[in-house]
Amino acid sequence: MAEERGGARRAGLGMMLAFWVLFIGLGTWWFQGVLEERTNPNAHLVHAVAGDEITLKRNAAGHFVATGRLNGEPVPMLLDTGATYVAVPADLARRLALPRLGEAWFSTANGRVRGRLTRLDEVSLGGFTARDVRGSIGPGLHDDVVLLGMSFLGRFDIRIRGETMTLRLPEGEEG
């Protein structure tokens, strides 16, 4: 009888342990999704198809972040209307084998930095695609986040209202 109680006790402890492991695992998965949504509320745009416009929401920090594609590879992008070029972190540029087309000085929020110029075969966001886009390779950029500058954004009509940014195709063009 004591052996039966000991076996039942071990089974109960095992089930309780399994419950807590599952509970913590699911909680972590859910919390990670909440954090991702707060950081990149427009991640779904990587799978969007072409339309007449794209509407993005600001993230928790007040920035417009979305997942797009750079030469076919999905990457997080920070939309930056103050940037002249599409700025690519050096590690990502190496991985994508981007050509280095000369050096240049860039004025950034952190001061002047020396970087390299490049050309991107294709940049896509939410079904909008641009080919042969001027870019820069920034040595100070981190985390594989691309700054999506005006060499891409300037090809579209941009409207910012409150918490949303809308990109539209110019009159008479298709995505």
N, C-alpha and C. Protein backbone atom coordinates (compact mmCIF):
# COMPACT_ATOMS: atom_id res chain seq x y z
N MET A 1 0.81 -1.18 0.00
CA MET A 1 0.00 0.00 0.00
C MET A 1 0.87 1.26 0.00
N ALA A 2 1.94 1.23 0.75
CA ALA A 2 2.86 2.37 0.80
C ALA A 2 3.51 2.58 -0.56
N GLU A 3 3.79 1.45 -1.25
CA GLU A 3 4.40 1.57 -2.58
C GLU A 3 3.43 2.22 -3.56
N GLU A 4 2.13 1.89 -3.44
CA GLU A 4 1.13 2.48 -4.33
C GLU A 4 1.03 3.97 -4.10
N ARG A 5 1.05 4.40 -2.82
CA ARG A 5 1.00 5.83 -2.51
C ARG A 5 2.24 6.54 -3.02
N GLY A 6 3.40 5.91 -2.91
CA GLY A 6 4.64 6.50 -3.41
C GLY A 6 4.62 6.65 -4.92
N GLY A 7 4.08 5.62 -5.61
CA GLY A 7 3.98 5.69 -7.07
C GLY A 7 3.00 6.76 -7.51
N ALA A 8 1.89 6.86 -6.81
CA ALA A 8 0.88 7.88 -7.14
C ALA A 8 1.45 9.27 -6.87
N ARG A 9 2.21 9.39 -5.79
CA ARG A 9 2.81 10.67 -5.44
C ARG A 9 3.81 11.10 -6.52
N ARG A 10 4.66 10.15 -6.96
CA ARG A 10 5.62 10.47 -8.02
C ARG A 10 4.90 10.84 -9.32
N ALA A 11 3.84 10.13 -9.65
CA ALA A 11 3.07 10.44 -10.86
C ALA A 11 2.45 11.84 -10.74
N GLY A 12 1.93 12.15 -9.55
CA GLY A 12 1.35 13.48 -9.31
C GLY A 12 2.40 14.57 -9.43
N LEU A 13 3.57 14.34 -8.84
CA LEU A 13 4.65 15.32 -8.96
C LEU A 13 5.10 15.48 -10.40
N GLY A 14 5.17 14.36 -11.13
CA GLY A 14 5.55 14.41 -12.54
C GLY A 14 4.56 15.21 -13.37
N MET A 15 3.26 15.01 -13.08
CA MET A 15 2.23 15.74 -13.81
C MET A 15 2.28 17.23 -13.47
N MET A 16 2.53 17.54 -12.19
CA MET A 16 2.62 18.92 -11.78
C MET A 16 3.83 19.59 -12.45
N LEU A 17 4.95 18.89 -12.50
CA LEU A 17 6.14 19.41 -13.14
C LEU A 17 5.88 19.63 -14.64
N ALA A 18 5.23 18.66 -15.28
CA ALA A 18 4.91 18.79 -16.70
C ALA A 18 3.99 19.99 -16.94
N PHE A 19 3.00 20.19 -16.05
CA PHE A 19 2.10 21.33 -16.16
C PHE A 19 2.89 22.63 -16.10
N TRP A 20 3.77 22.78 -15.11
CA TRP A 20 4.51 24.02 -14.95
C TRP A 20 5.48 24.26 -16.10
N VAL A 21 6.11 23.23 -16.60
CA VAL A 21 7.01 23.38 -17.75
C VAL A 21 6.21 23.85 -18.96
N LEU A 22 5.06 23.22 -19.20
CA LEU A 22 4.20 23.61 -20.31
C LEU A 22 3.69 25.04 -20.12
N PHE A 23 3.26 25.37 -18.91
CA PHE A 23 2.75 26.71 -18.61
C PHE A 23 3.81 27.77 -18.85
N ILE A 24 5.01 27.55 -18.36
CA ILE A 24 6.11 28.51 -18.54
C ILE A 24 6.50 28.60 -20.02
N GLY A 25 6.54 27.46 -20.70
CA GLY A 25 6.87 27.46 -22.13
C GLY A 25 5.86 28.25 -22.95
N LEU A 26 4.58 28.00 -22.71
CA LEU A 26 3.53 28.73 -23.44
C LEU A 26 3.55 30.22 -23.08
N GLY A 27 3.77 30.53 -21.82
CA GLY A 27 3.85 31.92 -21.39
C GLY A 27 5.01 32.64 -22.05
N THR A 28 6.14 31.99 -22.15
CA THR A 28 7.31 32.58 -22.81
C THR A 28 7.02 32.81 -24.29
N TRP A 29 6.42 31.81 -24.95
CA TRP A 29 6.07 31.94 -26.36
C TRP A 29 5.11 33.10 -26.59
N TRP A 30 4.08 33.21 -25.73
CA TRP A 30 3.11 34.29 -25.85
C TRP A 30 3.78 35.64 -25.62
N PHE A 31 4.60 35.74 -24.58
CA PHE A 31 5.26 37.00 -24.25
C PHE A 31 6.21 37.43 -25.36
N GLN A 32 6.90 36.46 -25.97
CA GLN A 32 7.80 36.77 -27.09
C GLN A 32 7.00 37.35 -28.25
N GLY A 33 5.81 36.82 -28.52
CA GLY A 33 4.94 37.35 -29.56
C GLY A 33 4.49 38.77 -29.26
N VAL A 34 4.18 39.04 -28.00
CA VAL A 34 3.79 40.39 -27.59
C VAL A 34 4.95 41.35 -27.80
N LEU A 35 6.16 40.95 -27.40
CA LEU A 35 7.34 41.81 -27.60
C LEU A 35 7.60 42.06 -29.09
N GLU A 36 7.49 41.02 -29.89
CA GLU A 36 7.70 41.17 -31.34
C GLU A 36 6.68 42.12 -31.94
N GLU A 37 5.43 42.01 -31.52
CA GLU A 37 4.38 42.89 -32.03
C GLU A 37 4.64 44.34 -31.63
N ARG A 38 5.17 44.56 -30.43
CA ARG A 38 5.48 45.91 -29.98
C ARG A 38 6.68 46.48 -30.73
N THR A 39 7.64 45.62 -31.11
CA THR A 39 8.84 46.06 -31.81
C THR A 39 8.58 46.23 -33.31
N ASN A 40 7.91 45.25 -33.90
CA ASN A 40 7.68 45.24 -35.34
C ASN A 40 6.22 44.89 -35.63
N PRO A 41 5.31 45.87 -35.49
CA PRO A 41 3.89 45.58 -35.70
C PRO A 41 3.53 45.34 -37.16
N ASN A 42 4.50 45.54 -38.06
CA ASN A 42 4.24 45.39 -39.49
C ASN A 42 4.98 44.21 -40.09
N ALA A 43 5.34 43.23 -39.27
CA ALA A 43 6.11 42.08 -39.74
C ALA A 43 5.37 41.31 -40.82
N HIS A 44 4.05 41.34 -40.78
CA HIS A 44 3.24 40.61 -41.77
C HIS A 44 3.44 41.12 -43.19
N LEU A 45 3.97 42.33 -43.37
CA LEU A 45 4.12 42.90 -44.71
C LEU A 45 5.09 42.11 -45.58
N VAL A 46 5.95 41.30 -44.97
CA VAL A 46 6.89 40.51 -45.75
C VAL A 46 6.16 39.55 -46.68
N HIS A 47 4.92 39.20 -46.36
CA HIS A 47 4.14 38.26 -47.16
C HIS A 47 3.04 38.95 -47.97
N ALA A 48 2.99 40.28 -47.94
CA ALA A 48 1.92 41.00 -48.63
C ALA A 48 2.10 40.95 -50.15
N VAL A 49 1.00 41.06 -50.84
CA VAL A 49 1.03 41.12 -52.30
C VAL A 49 0.79 42.56 -52.73
N ALA A 50 1.15 42.85 -53.96
CA ALA A 50 1.06 44.22 -54.46
C ALA A 50 -0.37 44.74 -54.43
N GLY A 51 -0.47 45.99 -54.06
CA GLY A 51 -1.74 46.70 -54.06
C GLY A 51 -1.46 48.15 -54.38
N ASP A 52 -2.43 49.02 -54.14
CA ASP A 52 -2.25 50.43 -54.43
C ASP A 52 -1.58 51.19 -53.29
N GLU A 53 -1.68 50.63 -52.07
CA GLU A 53 -1.08 51.32 -50.93
C GLU A 53 -0.72 50.33 -49.83
N ILE A 54 0.18 50.81 -48.95
CA ILE A 54 0.59 50.06 -47.77
C ILE A 54 0.36 50.98 -46.58
N THR A 55 -0.22 50.46 -45.52
CA THR A 55 -0.38 51.24 -44.30
C THR A 55 0.40 50.55 -43.18
N LEU A 56 1.26 51.32 -42.53
CA LEU A 56 2.09 50.81 -41.45
C LEU A 56 1.68 51.47 -40.14
N LYS A 57 1.86 50.73 -39.04
CA LYS A 57 1.60 51.25 -37.70
C LYS A 57 2.93 51.54 -37.01
N ARG A 58 2.94 52.55 -36.17
CA ARG A 58 4.13 52.84 -35.36
C ARG A 58 4.33 51.72 -34.35
N ASN A 59 5.60 51.47 -33.99
CA ASN A 59 5.86 50.49 -32.93
C ASN A 59 5.81 51.20 -31.58
N ALA A 60 6.07 50.48 -30.52
CA ALA A 60 5.98 51.03 -29.16
C ALA A 60 6.94 52.19 -28.94
N ALA A 61 8.04 52.24 -29.69
CA ALA A 61 9.02 53.32 -29.56
C ALA A 61 8.68 54.51 -30.46
N GLY A 62 7.60 54.40 -31.25
CA GLY A 62 7.18 55.49 -32.11
C GLY A 62 7.77 55.46 -33.51
N HIS A 63 8.46 54.37 -33.86
CA HIS A 63 9.08 54.25 -35.19
C HIS A 63 8.22 53.38 -36.09
N PHE A 64 8.43 53.54 -37.39
CA PHE A 64 7.78 52.68 -38.36
C PHE A 64 8.78 51.59 -38.74
N VAL A 65 8.52 50.39 -38.26
CA VAL A 65 9.38 49.23 -38.50
C VAL A 65 8.53 48.18 -39.21
N ALA A 66 9.11 47.55 -40.22
CA ALA A 66 8.41 46.51 -40.96
C ALA A 66 9.42 45.49 -41.45
N THR A 67 8.95 44.31 -41.75
CA THR A 67 9.82 43.31 -42.37
C THR A 67 9.60 43.38 -43.87
N GLY A 68 10.69 43.59 -44.58
CA GLY A 68 10.65 43.64 -46.04
C GLY A 68 11.68 42.66 -46.58
N ARG A 69 12.03 42.83 -47.84
CA ARG A 69 13.02 41.95 -48.45
C ARG A 69 14.09 42.78 -49.14
N LEU A 70 15.32 42.36 -48.95
CA LEU A 70 16.48 42.98 -49.58
C LEU A 70 17.13 41.90 -50.43
N ASN A 71 17.10 42.09 -51.73
CA ASN A 71 17.60 41.07 -52.66
C ASN A 71 17.02 39.70 -52.33
N GLY A 72 15.73 39.69 -51.97
CA GLY A 72 15.03 38.44 -51.71
C GLY A 72 15.07 37.95 -50.27
N GLU A 73 15.96 38.48 -49.44
CA GLU A 73 16.08 38.01 -48.06
C GLU A 73 15.22 38.85 -47.12
N PRO A 74 14.38 38.21 -46.29
CA PRO A 74 13.58 38.96 -45.33
C PRO A 74 14.47 39.63 -44.28
N VAL A 75 14.25 40.93 -44.07
CA VAL A 75 15.02 41.68 -43.08
C VAL A 75 14.11 42.72 -42.42
N PRO A 76 14.37 43.00 -41.14
CA PRO A 76 13.64 44.10 -40.49
C PRO A 76 14.13 45.43 -41.04
N MET A 77 13.19 46.34 -41.28
CA MET A 77 13.51 47.65 -41.85
C MET A 77 12.91 48.75 -40.99
N LEU A 78 13.71 49.77 -40.74
CA LEU A 78 13.26 50.97 -40.05
C LEU A 78 13.08 52.03 -41.13
N LEU A 79 11.84 52.48 -41.35
CA LEU A 79 11.59 53.47 -42.38
C LEU A 79 12.10 54.81 -41.89
N ASP A 80 12.99 55.43 -42.67
CA ASP A 80 13.68 56.64 -42.27
C ASP A 80 13.64 57.67 -43.39
N THR A 81 12.66 58.58 -43.32
CA THR A 81 12.52 59.59 -44.36
C THR A 81 13.65 60.62 -44.32
N GLY A 82 14.46 60.59 -43.29
CA GLY A 82 15.61 61.49 -43.20
C GLY A 82 16.88 60.90 -43.77
N ALA A 83 16.84 59.63 -44.19
CA ALA A 83 18.02 58.97 -44.77
C ALA A 83 17.96 59.08 -46.28
N THR A 84 19.08 59.40 -46.89
CA THR A 84 19.14 59.53 -48.34
C THR A 84 19.05 58.17 -49.02
N TYR A 85 19.80 57.21 -48.50
CA TYR A 85 19.89 55.88 -49.12
C TYR A 85 19.26 54.81 -48.24
N VAL A 86 19.13 53.63 -48.81
CA VAL A 86 18.82 52.44 -48.04
C VAL A 86 20.15 52.04 -47.40
N ALA A 87 20.22 52.11 -46.08
CA ALA A 87 21.48 51.84 -45.36
C ALA A 87 21.46 50.42 -44.81
N VAL A 88 22.49 49.67 -45.19
CA VAL A 88 22.58 48.25 -44.86
C VAL A 88 23.74 48.03 -43.89
N PRO A 89 23.52 47.32 -42.78
CA PRO A 89 24.62 47.00 -41.87
C PRO A 89 25.71 46.20 -42.60
N ALA A 90 26.96 46.41 -42.21
CA ALA A 90 28.10 45.78 -42.88
C ALA A 90 28.01 44.25 -42.88
N ASP A 91 27.59 43.65 -41.77
CA ASP A 91 27.49 42.18 -41.71
C ASP A 91 26.46 41.66 -42.71
N LEU A 92 25.33 42.32 -42.81
CA LEU A 92 24.30 41.92 -43.75
C LEU A 92 24.78 42.12 -45.19
N ALA A 93 25.48 43.22 -45.44
CA ALA A 93 26.01 43.48 -46.78
C ALA A 93 26.97 42.38 -47.21
N ARG A 94 27.80 41.92 -46.27
CA ARG A 94 28.72 40.80 -46.59
C ARG A 94 27.94 39.54 -46.91
N ARG A 95 26.92 39.25 -46.10
CA ARG A 95 26.12 38.04 -46.30
C ARG A 95 25.41 38.07 -47.66
N LEU A 96 24.96 39.26 -48.08
CA LEU A 96 24.26 39.40 -49.35
C LEU A 96 25.21 39.63 -50.52
N ALA A 97 26.51 39.71 -50.23
CA ALA A 97 27.54 39.95 -51.25
C ALA A 97 27.24 41.22 -52.06
N LEU A 98 26.89 42.30 -51.35
CA LEU A 98 26.59 43.56 -52.04
C LEU A 98 27.88 44.17 -52.59
N PRO A 99 27.82 44.74 -53.78
CA PRO A 99 29.02 45.35 -54.36
C PRO A 99 29.39 46.62 -53.61
N ARG A 100 30.68 46.87 -53.52
CA ARG A 100 31.19 48.10 -52.90
C ARG A 100 31.60 49.03 -54.02
N LEU A 101 30.89 50.15 -54.15
CA LEU A 101 31.05 51.03 -55.30
C LEU A 101 31.74 52.35 -54.96
N GLY A 102 32.52 52.37 -53.92
CA GLY A 102 33.22 53.59 -53.53
C GLY A 102 32.88 53.98 -52.11
N GLU A 103 33.66 54.93 -51.60
CA GLU A 103 33.45 55.40 -50.23
C GLU A 103 32.78 56.76 -50.24
N ALA A 104 32.14 57.08 -49.13
CA ALA A 104 31.48 58.37 -48.97
C ALA A 104 31.38 58.70 -47.49
N TRP A 105 31.21 59.97 -47.19
CA TRP A 105 30.94 60.41 -45.82
C TRP A 105 29.44 60.62 -45.68
N PHE A 106 28.90 60.20 -44.54
CA PHE A 106 27.48 60.34 -44.27
C PHE A 106 27.27 61.10 -42.98
N SER A 107 26.28 61.99 -42.97
CA SER A 107 25.89 62.69 -41.74
C SER A 107 24.77 61.88 -41.10
N THR A 108 25.00 61.44 -39.86
CA THR A 108 24.00 60.64 -39.15
C THR A 108 23.64 61.33 -37.85
N ALA A 109 22.70 60.76 -37.14
CA ALA A 109 22.32 61.29 -35.83
C ALA A 109 23.50 61.24 -34.86
N ASN A 110 24.46 60.34 -35.12
CA ASN A 110 25.63 60.20 -34.26
C ASN A 110 26.86 60.92 -34.81
N GLY A 111 26.66 61.78 -35.80
CA GLY A 111 27.79 62.51 -36.38
C GLY A 111 28.15 61.98 -37.76
N ARG A 112 29.30 62.44 -38.26
CA ARG A 112 29.75 62.02 -39.59
C ARG A 112 30.45 60.68 -39.51
N VAL A 113 30.12 59.80 -40.46
CA VAL A 113 30.76 58.49 -40.53
C VAL A 113 31.13 58.20 -41.98
N ARG A 114 32.17 57.42 -42.13
CA ARG A 114 32.58 56.99 -43.47
C ARG A 114 31.94 55.63 -43.75
N GLY A 115 31.40 55.50 -44.93
CA GLY A 115 30.77 54.25 -45.33
C GLY A 115 31.04 53.99 -46.79
N ARG A 116 30.38 53.01 -47.30
CA ARG A 116 30.55 52.62 -48.71
C ARG A 116 29.21 52.74 -49.44
N LEU A 117 29.30 53.03 -50.71
CA LEU A 117 28.12 53.07 -51.56
C LEU A 117 27.91 51.70 -52.18
N THR A 118 26.66 51.38 -52.48
CA THR A 118 26.33 50.10 -53.10
C THR A 118 25.08 50.26 -53.93
N ARG A 119 24.73 49.23 -54.64
CA ARG A 119 23.47 49.15 -55.39
C ARG A 119 22.76 47.88 -54.97
N LEU A 120 21.46 47.99 -54.75
CA LEU A 120 20.65 46.84 -54.35
C LEU A 120 19.82 46.42 -55.56
N ASP A 121 19.89 45.16 -55.89
CA ASP A 121 19.14 44.66 -57.05
C ASP A 121 17.64 44.87 -56.85
N GLU A 122 17.17 44.58 -55.63
CA GLU A 122 15.73 44.64 -55.39
C GLU A 122 15.44 44.91 -53.92
N VAL A 123 14.54 45.85 -53.68
CA VAL A 123 14.05 46.15 -52.33
C VAL A 123 12.53 46.03 -52.39
N SER A 124 11.96 45.27 -51.45
CA SER A 124 10.51 45.07 -51.42
C SER A 124 9.96 45.37 -50.04
N LEU A 125 8.78 45.97 -50.04
CA LEU A 125 8.07 46.21 -48.79
C LEU A 125 6.58 46.13 -49.08
N GLY A 126 5.90 45.21 -48.43
CA GLY A 126 4.46 45.11 -48.53
C GLY A 126 3.93 44.95 -49.94
N GLY A 127 4.65 44.27 -50.80
CA GLY A 127 4.21 44.09 -52.18
C GLY A 127 4.74 45.14 -53.13
N PHE A 128 5.30 46.24 -52.61
CA PHE A 128 5.94 47.24 -53.46
C PHE A 128 7.39 46.83 -53.67
N THR A 129 7.83 46.85 -54.91
CA THR A 129 9.20 46.45 -55.22
C THR A 129 9.86 47.52 -56.06
N ALA A 130 11.11 47.82 -55.73
CA ALA A 130 11.92 48.74 -56.52
C ALA A 130 13.20 48.02 -56.89
N ARG A 131 13.64 48.23 -58.11
CA ARG A 131 14.87 47.60 -58.59
C ARG A 131 15.95 48.65 -58.77
N ASP A 132 17.19 48.19 -58.68
CA ASP A 132 18.35 49.05 -58.87
C ASP A 132 18.29 50.27 -57.94
N VAL A 133 18.29 49.99 -56.65
CA VAL A 133 18.13 51.02 -55.61
C VAL A 133 19.50 51.39 -55.06
N ARG A 134 19.77 52.69 -54.99
CA ARG A 134 21.03 53.15 -54.40
C ARG A 134 21.03 52.86 -52.91
N GLY A 135 22.18 52.45 -52.40
CA GLY A 135 22.29 52.13 -50.99
C GLY A 135 23.65 52.48 -50.44
N SER A 136 23.77 52.32 -49.16
CA SER A 136 25.04 52.53 -48.48
C SER A 136 25.26 51.37 -47.51
N ILE A 137 26.52 51.12 -47.25
CA ILE A 137 26.89 50.09 -46.28
C ILE A 137 27.43 50.82 -45.08
N GLY A 138 26.71 50.72 -43.98
CA GLY A 138 27.05 51.49 -42.78
C GLY A 138 27.80 50.65 -41.77
N PRO A 139 29.03 51.05 -41.44
CA PRO A 139 29.79 50.28 -40.47
C PRO A 139 29.23 50.38 -39.06
N GLY A 140 28.47 51.41 -38.75
CA GLY A 140 27.96 51.59 -37.40
C GLY A 140 26.58 51.01 -37.18
N LEU A 141 25.97 50.43 -38.20
CA LEU A 141 24.64 49.86 -38.05
C LEU A 141 24.74 48.47 -37.46
N HIS A 142 23.77 48.13 -36.59
CA HIS A 142 23.82 46.85 -35.89
C HIS A 142 22.51 46.10 -36.04
N ASP A 143 22.51 44.87 -35.61
CA ASP A 143 21.32 44.02 -35.49
C ASP A 143 20.65 43.68 -36.82
N ASP A 144 21.34 43.87 -37.93
CA ASP A 144 20.77 43.55 -39.25
C ASP A 144 19.48 44.30 -39.54
N VAL A 145 19.28 45.47 -38.92
CA VAL A 145 18.13 46.31 -39.23
C VAL A 145 18.54 47.28 -40.33
N VAL A 146 17.82 47.26 -41.43
CA VAL A 146 18.09 48.11 -42.58
C VAL A 146 17.35 49.43 -42.38
N LEU A 147 18.03 50.55 -42.65
CA LEU A 147 17.35 51.85 -42.66
C LEU A 147 16.81 52.06 -44.07
N LEU A 148 15.51 52.10 -44.19
CA LEU A 148 14.88 52.23 -45.49
C LEU A 148 14.74 53.71 -45.80
N GLY A 149 15.69 54.24 -46.56
CA GLY A 149 15.75 55.66 -46.86
C GLY A 149 15.03 56.06 -48.13
N MET A 150 15.26 57.30 -48.53
CA MET A 150 14.52 57.90 -49.63
C MET A 150 14.88 57.34 -51.00
N SER A 151 16.01 56.65 -51.15
CA SER A 151 16.29 56.04 -52.45
C SER A 151 15.24 54.98 -52.77
N PHE A 152 14.56 54.44 -51.75
CA PHE A 152 13.41 53.55 -51.95
C PHE A 152 12.11 54.33 -51.73
N LEU A 153 11.98 54.96 -50.57
CA LEU A 153 10.73 55.62 -50.19
C LEU A 153 10.33 56.74 -51.14
N GLY A 154 11.33 57.42 -51.73
CA GLY A 154 11.05 58.53 -52.64
C GLY A 154 10.33 58.11 -53.91
N ARG A 155 10.22 56.84 -54.16
CA ARG A 155 9.51 56.34 -55.34
C ARG A 155 8.01 56.26 -55.11
N PHE A 156 7.58 56.58 -53.88
CA PHE A 156 6.17 56.46 -53.51
C PHE A 156 5.69 57.75 -52.89
N ASP A 157 4.37 57.93 -52.86
CA ASP A 157 3.77 59.05 -52.15
C ASP A 157 3.64 58.63 -50.69
N ILE A 158 4.09 59.50 -49.78
CA ILE A 158 4.12 59.17 -48.35
C ILE A 158 3.19 60.10 -47.60
N ARG A 159 2.36 59.53 -46.72
CA ARG A 159 1.51 60.33 -45.84
C ARG A 159 1.63 59.78 -44.43
N ILE A 160 1.94 60.65 -43.49
CA ILE A 160 2.03 60.25 -42.08
C ILE A 160 0.94 61.01 -41.33
N ARG A 161 0.09 60.23 -40.66
CA ARG A 161 -1.00 60.79 -39.86
C ARG A 161 -1.04 60.05 -38.55
N GLY A 162 -0.72 60.73 -37.47
CA GLY A 162 -0.79 60.12 -36.15
C GLY A 162 0.09 58.87 -36.06
N GLU A 163 -0.55 57.75 -35.85
CA GLU A 163 0.17 56.49 -35.62
C GLU A 163 0.36 55.67 -36.89
N THR A 164 0.00 56.22 -38.06
CA THR A 164 0.12 55.44 -39.29
C THR A 164 0.90 56.19 -40.36
N MET A 165 1.55 55.41 -41.20
CA MET A 165 2.21 55.91 -42.40
C MET A 165 1.62 55.14 -43.57
N THR A 166 1.25 55.87 -44.61
CA THR A 166 0.71 55.23 -45.80
C THR A 166 1.63 55.52 -46.97
N LEU A 167 2.02 54.46 -47.66
CA LEU A 167 2.79 54.59 -48.89
C LEU A 167 1.83 54.26 -50.03
N ARG A 168 1.85 55.11 -51.06
CA ARG A 168 0.99 54.88 -52.22
C ARG A 168 1.84 54.93 -53.47
N LEU A 169 1.40 54.18 -54.46
CA LEU A 169 2.04 54.26 -55.76
C LEU A 169 1.71 55.62 -56.36
N PRO A 170 2.67 56.25 -57.02
CA PRO A 170 2.35 57.51 -57.72
C PRO A 170 1.30 57.24 -58.80
N GLU A 171 0.57 58.26 -59.18
CA GLU A 171 -0.48 58.12 -60.19
C GLU A 171 0.06 57.42 -61.43
N GLY A 172 -0.69 56.44 -61.93
CA GLY A 172 -0.36 55.77 -63.17
C GLY A 172 0.68 54.66 -63.06
N GLU A 173 1.09 54.28 -61.83
CA GLU A 173 2.08 53.21 -61.67
C GLU A 173 1.46 52.03 -60.96
N GLU A 174 2.04 50.87 -61.17
CA GLU A 174 1.61 49.64 -60.49
C GLU A 174 2.75 49.05 -59.73
N GLY A 175 2.46 48.33 -58.58
CA GLY A 175 3.45 47.74 -57.71
C GLY A 175 4.22 46.69 -58.37
